[in-house]
Amino acid sequence: MGNWAVTKDDENCGSKASTCGCGNYDTGDVVTYAPDLDHTNSGVQSLVKDYLNFLKGKGYTGWRFDMVKGYSASYVGSYISSSSPVFSVGEYWDSSVSKVTGWIQGTGSKSQAFDFPLRYTLQSAIKNNNYGSMGPYVPGVIGTDPSHAVTFIDNHDTSRDDRFGSNDQIIMGYAYLFTHSGTPCVFWNDWNTGSIQSAIKTMMTMRRTAGITNTPSVYVEKSGSGLYAAYINSKVAVKLGTNSWSPSDTSYKLYTSGNNYAIWMK
């Protein structure tokens, strides 16, 4: 690709925008750390589609689209249509539920998105031991479009600049993710931390055994200072926080627990 593949309002063009031989104006946010591709150009689109299908030929089955604020969501939808991945997720980094769901809709609902709004809400609730923001309605993208939400605790950026919390708090976060809506995603560094990996494995088994999909029924019974408690599919119960709580129905049996969290299953 040459200058023709870069948007004319790219940061690197500057005052040369009219003479640099670049393409059309950007369809998203301006990115300053790398040239912005002109996705309106059919040549760029063909090269992206060819590359994705090349990757499929090498055995890759899913795509993670980085920094999708940088161009129109419609192009992601087009790239997915042409490559038919098993799974696709976009990194629309924003705390606004409406903006993230708007991006999902912009792809033609062909891609999922990382649930940044939930991540921030859950992190704050656990750190402050106050779960008022966690109910009575489920927060984040999982509260409005759970089938298109990928839930997560940290990624390579947040772990560097805004770590979710201590190991105990991270495990509490996964206790929420693996019992609730959306598609849980495990951060590589967490998977390679022994105590966290052990807890995650137990929760993975619980989720599979209980048959929790990305769209379960969730009833939040308690959400306040020191306590969050919820029932999922009338089969799993979960509690977070320093206050005591257990299901009133004795047919629920404790499945796993740790510092300030517990999960029960029928």
Protein backbone atom coordinates (compact mmCIF):
# COMPACT_ATOMS: atom_id res chain seq x y z
CA MET A 1 0.00 0.00 0.00
CA GLY A 2 1.11 3.56 -0.71
CA ASN A 3 -0.13 7.05 0.11
CA TRP A 4 -3.28 6.30 -1.90
CA ALA A 5 -4.35 3.92 0.87
CA VAL A 6 -4.11 6.58 3.61
CA THR A 7 -6.82 9.09 4.52
CA LYS A 8 -6.15 12.67 3.43
CA ASP A 9 -6.78 14.01 6.96
CA ASP A 10 -4.29 11.58 8.49
CA GLU A 11 -2.03 13.05 11.17
CA ASN A 12 1.04 12.30 9.08
CA CYS A 13 -0.19 14.33 6.10
CA GLY A 14 -0.45 17.65 7.95
CA SER A 15 -0.23 20.62 5.63
CA LYS A 16 0.48 18.31 2.70
CA ALA A 17 -3.05 16.86 2.71
CA SER A 18 -3.88 18.33 -0.70
CA THR A 19 -0.68 17.13 -2.39
CA CYS A 20 0.32 13.93 -0.59
CA GLY A 21 -1.56 11.70 -3.01
CA CYS A 22 -3.74 10.36 -0.22
CA GLY A 23 -7.32 9.12 -0.42
CA ASN A 24 -10.60 10.29 1.05
CA TYR A 25 -11.38 11.73 4.47
CA ASP A 26 -11.38 9.44 7.51
CA THR A 27 -14.61 7.70 8.47
CA GLY A 28 -13.70 7.47 12.17
CA ASP A 29 -11.48 8.96 14.85
CA VAL A 30 -8.06 10.21 13.79
CA VAL A 31 -5.26 7.92 14.96
CA THR A 32 -1.89 9.56 15.54
CA TYR A 33 0.39 6.57 16.13
CA ALA A 34 -0.03 4.94 12.71
CA PRO A 35 -1.35 5.86 9.24
CA ASP A 36 -5.14 5.74 8.94
CA LEU A 37 -6.25 3.43 6.15
CA ASP A 38 -8.81 4.80 3.72
CA HIS A 39 -11.45 2.09 4.03
CA THR A 40 -13.64 3.84 1.45
CA ASN A 41 -11.10 2.80 -1.20
CA SER A 42 -12.07 -0.42 -2.98
CA GLY A 43 -8.40 -1.35 -3.29
CA VAL A 44 -7.92 -1.16 0.48
CA GLN A 45 -11.08 -3.18 1.02
CA SER A 46 -9.90 -5.89 -1.38
CA LEU A 47 -6.49 -6.13 0.29
CA VAL A 48 -8.04 -6.41 3.77
CA LYS A 49 -10.47 -9.09 2.59
CA ASP A 50 -7.68 -10.99 0.82
CA TYR A 51 -5.57 -10.91 3.98
CA LEU A 52 -8.38 -12.19 6.18
CA ASN A 53 -9.01 -15.08 3.81
CA PHE A 54 -5.26 -15.75 3.73
CA LEU A 55 -5.37 -16.06 7.52
CA LYS A 56 -8.34 -18.43 7.26
CA GLY A 57 -6.25 -20.57 4.95
CA LYS A 58 -3.60 -20.74 7.66
CA GLY A 59 -6.12 -22.04 10.19
CA TYR A 60 -7.34 -18.87 11.92
CA THR A 61 -11.09 -18.92 12.57
CA GLY A 62 -11.83 -15.64 14.36
CA TRP A 63 -10.99 -11.95 14.24
CA ARG A 64 -10.28 -9.29 16.84
CA PHE A 65 -10.61 -5.85 15.28
CA ASP A 66 -8.42 -3.36 17.15
CA MET A 67 -9.26 0.32 17.74
CA VAL A 68 -12.51 0.18 15.76
CA LYS A 69 -13.28 3.80 16.58
CA GLY A 70 -10.81 4.59 13.79
CA TYR A 71 -13.16 3.80 10.89
CA SER A 72 -16.81 3.16 10.16
CA ALA A 73 -18.34 0.02 11.63
CA SER A 74 -19.89 -0.78 8.26
CA TYR A 75 -16.50 -1.83 6.91
CA VAL A 76 -16.05 -4.33 9.73
CA GLY A 77 -19.41 -5.79 8.75
CA SER A 78 -18.24 -6.04 5.14
CA TYR A 79 -14.96 -7.72 6.09
CA ILE A 80 -16.82 -10.25 8.23
CA SER A 81 -19.28 -11.01 5.43
CA SER A 82 -16.45 -11.71 3.02
CA SER A 83 -14.43 -13.93 5.38
CA SER A 84 -17.15 -15.72 7.45
CA PRO A 85 -15.21 -16.13 10.71
CA VAL A 86 -16.52 -18.37 13.47
CA PHE A 87 -16.15 -15.48 15.90
CA SER A 88 -15.49 -11.76 15.66
CA VAL A 89 -15.03 -9.06 18.30
CA GLY A 90 -14.22 -5.36 18.09
CA GLU A 91 -12.40 -3.14 20.57
CA TYR A 92 -14.67 -0.11 20.85
CA TRP A 93 -13.05 1.44 23.90
CA ASP A 94 -15.75 3.52 25.55
CA SER A 95 -17.69 3.49 28.82
CA SER A 96 -20.95 4.37 27.05
CA VAL A 97 -23.31 1.45 26.52
CA SER A 98 -25.16 3.28 23.74
CA LYS A 99 -21.94 3.99 21.84
CA VAL A 100 -20.70 0.40 22.05
CA THR A 101 -24.07 -1.04 21.06
CA GLY A 102 -24.28 1.57 18.30
CA TRP A 103 -21.02 0.25 16.89
CA ILE A 104 -22.33 -3.32 17.04
CA GLN A 105 -25.44 -2.27 15.13
CA GLY A 106 -23.21 -0.42 12.67
CA THR A 107 -21.58 -3.72 11.70
CA GLY A 108 -25.01 -5.10 10.91
CA SER A 109 -24.77 -6.96 14.23
CA LYS A 110 -22.17 -9.19 12.60
CA SER A 111 -19.57 -8.62 15.30
CA GLN A 112 -19.47 -8.76 19.06
CA ALA A 113 -17.76 -6.03 21.11
CA PHE A 114 -15.75 -5.97 24.31
CA ASP A 115 -17.99 -4.81 27.15
CA PHE A 116 -15.93 -1.89 28.44
CA PRO A 117 -18.96 -0.32 30.20
CA LEU A 118 -19.43 -3.47 32.31
CA ARG A 119 -15.71 -3.73 33.01
CA TYR A 120 -15.57 -0.23 34.49
CA THR A 121 -18.78 -0.67 36.50
CA LEU A 122 -17.72 -4.04 37.92
CA GLN A 123 -14.21 -2.83 38.75
CA SER A 124 -15.55 0.16 40.68
CA ALA A 125 -18.12 -1.96 42.52
CA ILE A 126 -15.55 -4.52 43.68
CA LYS A 127 -12.88 -1.98 44.63
CA ASN A 128 -15.36 0.10 46.65
CA ASN A 129 -17.29 -2.90 48.01
CA ASN A 130 -20.46 -1.14 46.90
CA TYR A 131 -22.66 -2.90 44.33
CA GLY A 132 -25.44 -0.36 44.00
CA SER A 133 -24.55 0.15 40.33
CA MET A 134 -24.84 -3.58 39.64
CA GLY A 135 -28.59 -3.84 40.06
CA PRO A 136 -31.49 -4.19 40.00
CA TYR A 137 -30.86 -4.12 36.26
CA VAL A 138 -27.80 -5.78 34.75
CA PRO A 139 -25.28 -3.08 33.70
CA GLY A 140 -23.13 -2.81 30.60
CA VAL A 141 -23.68 -4.14 27.11
CA ILE A 142 -24.77 -7.46 28.65
CA GLY A 143 -27.78 -5.61 30.04
CA THR A 144 -29.00 -4.58 26.58
CA ASP A 145 -27.42 -6.90 23.98
CA PRO A 146 -25.83 -9.85 25.79
CA SER A 147 -25.45 -12.03 22.69
CA HIS A 148 -23.03 -9.45 21.25
CA ALA A 149 -21.10 -8.69 24.45
CA VAL A 150 -17.64 -10.08 25.22
CA THR A 151 -16.97 -9.62 28.92
CA PHE A 152 -13.45 -9.25 30.27
CA ILE A 153 -11.42 -8.21 33.31
CA ASP A 154 -8.28 -6.83 31.70
CA ASN A 155 -6.42 -6.64 28.40
CA HIS A 156 -2.87 -5.70 27.47
CA ASP A 157 -3.69 -2.00 27.78
CA THR A 158 -5.77 -1.92 30.97
CA SER A 159 -3.41 -4.29 32.77
CA ARG A 160 -0.63 -1.76 32.22
CA ASP A 161 -2.50 1.47 32.95
CA ASP A 162 -5.55 0.48 35.03
CA ARG A 163 -5.19 -3.01 36.51
CA PHE A 164 -8.58 -4.36 37.59
CA GLY A 165 -7.42 -4.93 41.15
CA SER A 166 -5.66 -7.40 43.43
CA ASN A 167 -5.62 -11.12 42.60
CA ASP A 168 -8.57 -11.65 44.98
CA GLN A 169 -10.52 -8.85 43.29
CA ILE A 170 -9.70 -10.24 39.86
CA ILE A 171 -11.08 -13.64 40.88
CA MET A 172 -14.23 -11.92 42.19
CA GLY A 173 -14.58 -10.31 38.77
CA TYR A 174 -14.33 -13.65 37.02
CA ALA A 175 -16.93 -15.07 39.42
CA TYR A 176 -19.31 -12.47 38.01
CA LEU A 177 -18.29 -13.00 34.38
CA PHE A 178 -18.62 -16.79 34.43
CA THR A 179 -22.06 -16.71 36.07
CA HIS A 180 -23.58 -13.92 33.98
CA SER A 181 -24.53 -12.99 30.44
CA GLY A 182 -22.16 -12.37 27.58
CA THR A 183 -19.17 -14.35 26.33
CA PRO A 184 -16.42 -14.35 29.00
CA CYS A 185 -12.86 -13.69 27.85
CA VAL A 186 -9.84 -14.59 30.00
CA PHE A 187 -6.78 -12.33 29.99
CA TRP A 188 -3.58 -14.23 29.13
CA ASN A 189 -1.65 -12.90 32.15
CA ASP A 190 -4.47 -14.00 34.46
CA TRP A 191 -4.45 -17.47 32.92
CA ASN A 192 -0.72 -17.68 33.66
CA THR A 193 -1.14 -16.73 37.32
CA GLY A 194 -1.55 -19.97 39.27
CA SER A 195 -4.16 -18.97 41.86
CA ILE A 196 -6.27 -17.11 39.30
CA GLN A 197 -6.06 -19.90 36.71
CA SER A 198 -7.19 -22.48 39.27
CA ALA A 199 -10.27 -20.43 40.14
CA ILE A 200 -11.04 -19.77 36.46
CA LYS A 201 -10.86 -23.50 35.62
CA THR A 202 -13.38 -24.26 38.37
CA MET A 203 -15.69 -21.52 37.13
CA MET A 204 -15.41 -22.71 33.51
CA THR A 205 -16.49 -26.18 34.57
CA MET A 206 -19.37 -24.70 36.55
CA ARG A 207 -20.57 -22.63 33.57
CA ARG A 208 -20.49 -25.63 31.23
CA THR A 209 -22.16 -27.93 33.76
CA ALA A 210 -24.92 -25.40 34.48
CA GLY A 211 -25.47 -24.78 30.77
CA ILE A 212 -25.06 -21.01 31.03
CA THR A 213 -25.04 -19.42 27.56
CA ASN A 214 -24.47 -15.77 26.69
CA THR A 215 -28.17 -15.02 27.21
CA PRO A 216 -29.25 -16.57 30.55
CA SER A 217 -32.02 -15.23 32.76
CA VAL A 218 -30.55 -13.14 35.59
CA TYR A 219 -32.37 -12.07 38.74
CA VAL A 220 -30.46 -9.64 40.95
CA GLU A 221 -31.68 -10.10 44.52
CA LYS A 222 -29.23 -7.80 46.34
CA SER A 223 -27.12 -4.91 45.07
CA GLY A 224 -25.85 -2.49 47.65
CA SER A 225 -23.10 -1.71 50.11
CA GLY A 226 -21.06 -4.83 50.85
CA LEU A 227 -23.22 -7.27 48.90
CA TYR A 228 -24.20 -8.38 45.41
CA ALA A 229 -26.33 -11.51 45.04
CA ALA A 230 -28.01 -12.94 41.96
CA TYR A 231 -29.67 -16.07 40.58
CA ILE A 232 -28.91 -17.26 37.05
CA ASN A 233 -31.35 -19.53 35.19
CA SER A 234 -32.80 -20.52 38.58
CA LYS A 235 -29.90 -22.96 38.73
CA VAL A 236 -26.86 -20.96 39.84
CA ALA A 237 -26.49 -18.38 42.62
CA VAL A 238 -23.56 -16.02 43.11
CA LYS A 239 -22.53 -13.64 45.86
CA LEU A 240 -19.87 -10.89 45.88
CA GLY A 241 -18.84 -8.59 48.72
CA THR A 242 -17.91 -8.63 52.38
CA ASN A 243 -21.45 -9.21 53.70
CA SER A 244 -22.82 -12.69 54.32
CA TRP A 245 -25.48 -14.18 52.05
CA SER A 246 -26.62 -17.59 50.87
CA PRO A 247 -29.58 -18.84 48.81
CA SER A 248 -32.79 -19.32 50.78
CA ASP A 249 -33.48 -22.48 48.75
CA THR A 250 -31.48 -25.28 50.38
CA SER A 251 -31.35 -27.23 47.12
CA TYR A 252 -28.53 -24.87 46.09
CA LYS A 253 -25.20 -26.41 47.10
CA LEU A 254 -21.96 -24.48 47.46
CA TYR A 255 -19.86 -25.12 44.36
CA THR A 256 -16.85 -22.87 44.95
CA SER A 257 -15.88 -19.90 47.09
CA GLY A 258 -13.00 -17.62 48.02
CA ASN A 259 -12.29 -14.21 49.48
CA ASN A 260 -15.55 -12.25 49.24
CA TYR A 261 -17.25 -14.46 46.65
CA ALA A 262 -19.20 -17.71 46.49
CA ILE A 263 -21.07 -19.67 43.83
CA TRP A 264 -23.82 -22.22 44.42
CA MET A 265 -25.45 -24.62 41.98
CA LYS A 266 -28.46 -26.91 42.07
